[in-house]
Amino acid sequence: MSENIKVAVRVRPFNQREKDRGAKLVVQMEGDTTIIKHPKNECEPKKFSFDFSYWSHDGYKEDETGYMYPDSPQYCDQERVFKDLGEGVLTNAWKGYNCSLFAYGQTGSGKSYSIVGYGANRGVIPVVLSETFFKNIRKSYSKSKRRIRSNSCYD
């Protein structure tokens, strides 16, 4: 098998309730390190390292379809999450391995958005399903095309 366990963390934008309450951002990311600062005092920040630390809090623009694409190098869109996490799951599944994608976190923390997505911002699962479907169609088309060519040689 080509992969083992990968751990990723993602910071989402504030929701409307958090904005209305004047929530303070206490998380920052530097590479694969996530840094959490205490909101009230200046004690030493806590640093945690992961395989992937995704920044999706800001640094994006929305196109006419509603897709949120990076406007800064730090922003992580749904496509990057799929490339980093979903592609490996899909590749290993095609090789016959059992695969799992597990999302864990507090209610409202963004698990469903990363895994399922919303609107034009499709999550990992819908992309995996469409890739699986289209791979099967491409395989079927390729086989039928070969069959047609081999049959036409004898006509």
Protein backbone atom coordinates (compact mmCIF):
# COMPACT_ATOMS: atom_id res chain seq x y z
CA MET A 1 0.00 0.00 0.00
CA SER A 2 1.33 3.44 -0.88
CA GLU A 3 -0.04 5.40 2.10
CA ASN A 4 -0.69 5.18 5.80
CA ILE A 5 -2.59 7.53 8.07
CA LYS A 6 -2.55 11.23 7.25
CA VAL A 7 -3.80 13.88 9.64
CA ALA A 8 -5.04 17.24 8.42
CA VAL A 9 -6.57 20.25 10.14
CA ARG A 10 -8.48 23.05 8.44
CA VAL A 11 -9.48 26.52 9.64
CA ARG A 12 -12.80 27.67 8.18
CA PRO A 13 -14.14 31.21 7.83
CA PHE A 14 -16.15 32.67 10.69
CA ASN A 15 -19.86 31.97 10.38
CA GLN A 16 -22.38 34.79 10.76
CA ARG A 17 -22.95 34.12 14.45
CA GLU A 18 -19.22 34.38 15.14
CA LYS A 19 -19.00 37.60 13.14
CA ASP A 20 -21.98 39.09 14.99
CA ARG A 21 -20.35 38.30 18.33
CA GLY A 22 -17.04 39.86 17.26
CA ALA A 23 -15.12 36.58 17.51
CA LYS A 24 -11.36 36.90 17.64
CA LEU A 25 -9.18 34.72 15.42
CA VAL A 26 -6.80 32.75 17.66
CA VAL A 27 -5.40 30.33 15.08
CA GLN A 28 -2.68 30.84 12.51
CA MET A 29 -0.85 28.43 10.27
CA GLU A 30 2.74 28.28 9.13
CA GLY A 31 3.32 25.43 6.70
CA ASP A 32 2.15 22.24 8.37
CA THR A 33 2.17 23.81 11.84
CA THR A 34 -0.98 25.12 13.47
CA ILE A 35 -0.49 27.78 16.15
CA ILE A 36 -3.13 28.60 18.74
CA LYS A 37 -2.85 31.82 20.76
CA HIS A 38 -4.75 32.50 23.97
CA PRO A 39 -7.32 35.23 23.18
CA LYS A 40 -6.85 37.18 26.42
CA ASN A 41 -3.25 36.91 27.56
CA GLU A 42 0.10 36.89 25.85
CA CYS A 43 1.31 33.51 27.10
CA GLU A 44 3.36 31.27 24.83
CA PRO A 45 1.25 30.06 21.87
CA LYS A 46 0.65 26.31 21.48
CA LYS A 47 2.10 24.75 18.31
CA PHE A 48 0.89 21.54 16.72
CA SER A 49 2.27 19.83 13.61
CA PHE A 50 0.12 17.85 11.20
CA ASP A 51 0.61 16.29 7.78
CA PHE A 52 -1.49 19.16 6.42
CA SER A 53 -2.58 22.45 8.00
CA TYR A 54 -5.15 24.04 5.70
CA TRP A 55 -5.96 27.73 5.92
CA SER A 56 -9.45 28.46 4.61
CA HIS A 57 -10.40 31.33 6.93
CA ASP A 58 -9.76 34.08 4.36
CA GLY A 59 -7.73 34.78 1.23
CA TYR A 60 -10.28 33.61 -1.31
CA LYS A 61 -12.54 35.06 -3.98
CA GLU A 62 -15.78 33.69 -5.31
CA ASP A 63 -16.33 33.18 -9.04
CA GLU A 64 -19.69 33.42 -10.84
CA THR A 65 -20.52 29.77 -10.01
CA GLY A 66 -19.90 30.31 -6.29
CA TYR A 67 -16.61 28.41 -6.25
CA MET A 68 -14.17 29.87 -3.74
CA TYR A 69 -10.73 29.96 -5.31
CA PRO A 70 -7.43 31.08 -3.74
CA ASP A 71 -6.65 34.77 -3.77
CA SER A 72 -3.59 34.24 -1.58
CA PRO A 73 -1.02 31.44 -1.56
CA GLN A 74 -2.09 30.42 1.95
CA TYR A 75 -5.74 29.72 1.09
CA CYS A 76 -6.70 26.06 0.64
CA ASP A 77 -9.65 25.34 -1.65
CA GLN A 78 -11.65 22.12 -2.01
CA GLU A 79 -9.54 21.02 -4.98
CA ARG A 80 -6.36 21.05 -2.91
CA VAL A 81 -8.01 19.07 -0.10
CA PHE A 82 -9.03 16.45 -2.68
CA LYS A 83 -5.56 16.33 -4.23
CA ASP A 84 -3.85 15.94 -0.87
CA LEU A 85 -6.30 13.56 0.80
CA GLY A 86 -8.91 12.23 -1.62
CA GLU A 87 -6.65 11.20 -4.51
CA GLY A 88 -4.70 8.80 -2.30
CA VAL A 89 -7.89 7.23 -1.01
CA LEU A 90 -9.21 6.84 -4.56
CA THR A 91 -5.93 5.43 -5.91
CA ASN A 92 -5.69 2.87 -3.12
CA ALA A 93 -9.35 1.90 -3.54
CA TRP A 94 -8.71 1.22 -7.26
CA LYS A 95 -5.79 -1.00 -6.20
CA GLY A 96 -8.17 -3.03 -4.06
CA TYR A 97 -7.24 -1.73 -0.62
CA ASN A 98 -9.78 -0.91 2.06
CA CYS A 99 -9.80 2.86 2.53
CA SER A 100 -11.31 5.26 5.03
CA LEU A 101 -11.70 8.99 5.22
CA PHE A 102 -12.57 10.14 8.71
CA ALA A 103 -13.61 13.65 9.73
CA TYR A 104 -13.64 14.56 13.40
CA GLY A 105 -14.43 17.80 15.17
CA GLN A 106 -16.85 19.95 17.06
CA THR A 107 -20.33 20.61 15.68
CA GLY A 108 -20.12 23.45 13.16
CA SER A 109 -16.37 23.16 12.67
CA GLY A 110 -16.52 22.49 8.92
CA LYS A 111 -16.34 18.71 8.60
CA SER A 112 -19.31 18.45 6.23
CA TYR A 113 -17.99 21.25 4.05
CA SER A 114 -14.62 19.52 3.60
CA ILE A 115 -16.09 16.07 3.06
CA VAL A 116 -19.35 16.79 1.21
CA GLY A 117 -18.96 20.43 0.16
CA TYR A 118 -21.61 22.92 -0.76
CA GLY A 119 -22.76 24.10 -4.19
CA ALA A 120 -19.85 24.58 -6.59
CA ASN A 121 -17.40 23.79 -3.78
CA ARG A 122 -17.68 20.02 -3.97
CA GLY A 123 -16.06 18.10 -1.14
CA VAL A 124 -13.89 15.01 -1.24
CA ILE A 125 -16.71 12.43 -1.45
CA PRO A 126 -18.59 13.91 -4.45
CA VAL A 127 -15.29 14.26 -6.33
CA VAL A 128 -14.30 10.67 -5.51
CA LEU A 129 -17.70 9.45 -6.72
CA SER A 130 -17.56 11.43 -9.96
CA GLU A 131 -13.96 10.32 -10.60
CA THR A 132 -15.04 6.71 -10.04
CA PHE A 133 -18.04 7.09 -12.34
CA PHE A 134 -16.09 8.80 -15.13
CA LYS A 135 -13.19 6.34 -14.87
CA ASN A 136 -15.66 3.50 -15.43
CA ILE A 137 -17.23 5.33 -18.38
CA ARG A 138 -13.78 5.98 -19.92
CA LYS A 139 -12.89 2.29 -19.45
CA SER A 140 -16.17 1.15 -21.04
CA TYR A 141 -15.77 3.60 -23.92
CA SER A 142 -12.20 2.49 -24.53
CA LYS A 143 -13.20 -1.21 -24.55
CA SER A 144 -16.15 -0.64 -26.89
CA LYS A 145 -13.98 1.46 -29.19
CA ARG A 146 -11.44 -1.39 -29.40
CA ARG A 147 -14.25 -3.86 -30.04
CA ILE A 148 -15.63 -1.70 -32.83
CA ARG A 149 -12.18 -1.36 -34.43
CA SER A 150 -11.49 -5.11 -34.26
CA ASN A 151 -14.93 -5.92 -35.71
CA SER A 152 -14.56 -3.43 -38.54
CA CYS A 153 -11.31 -5.05 -39.62
CA TYR A 154 -13.26 -8.16 -40.61
CA ASP A 155 -16.15 -6.43 -42.38
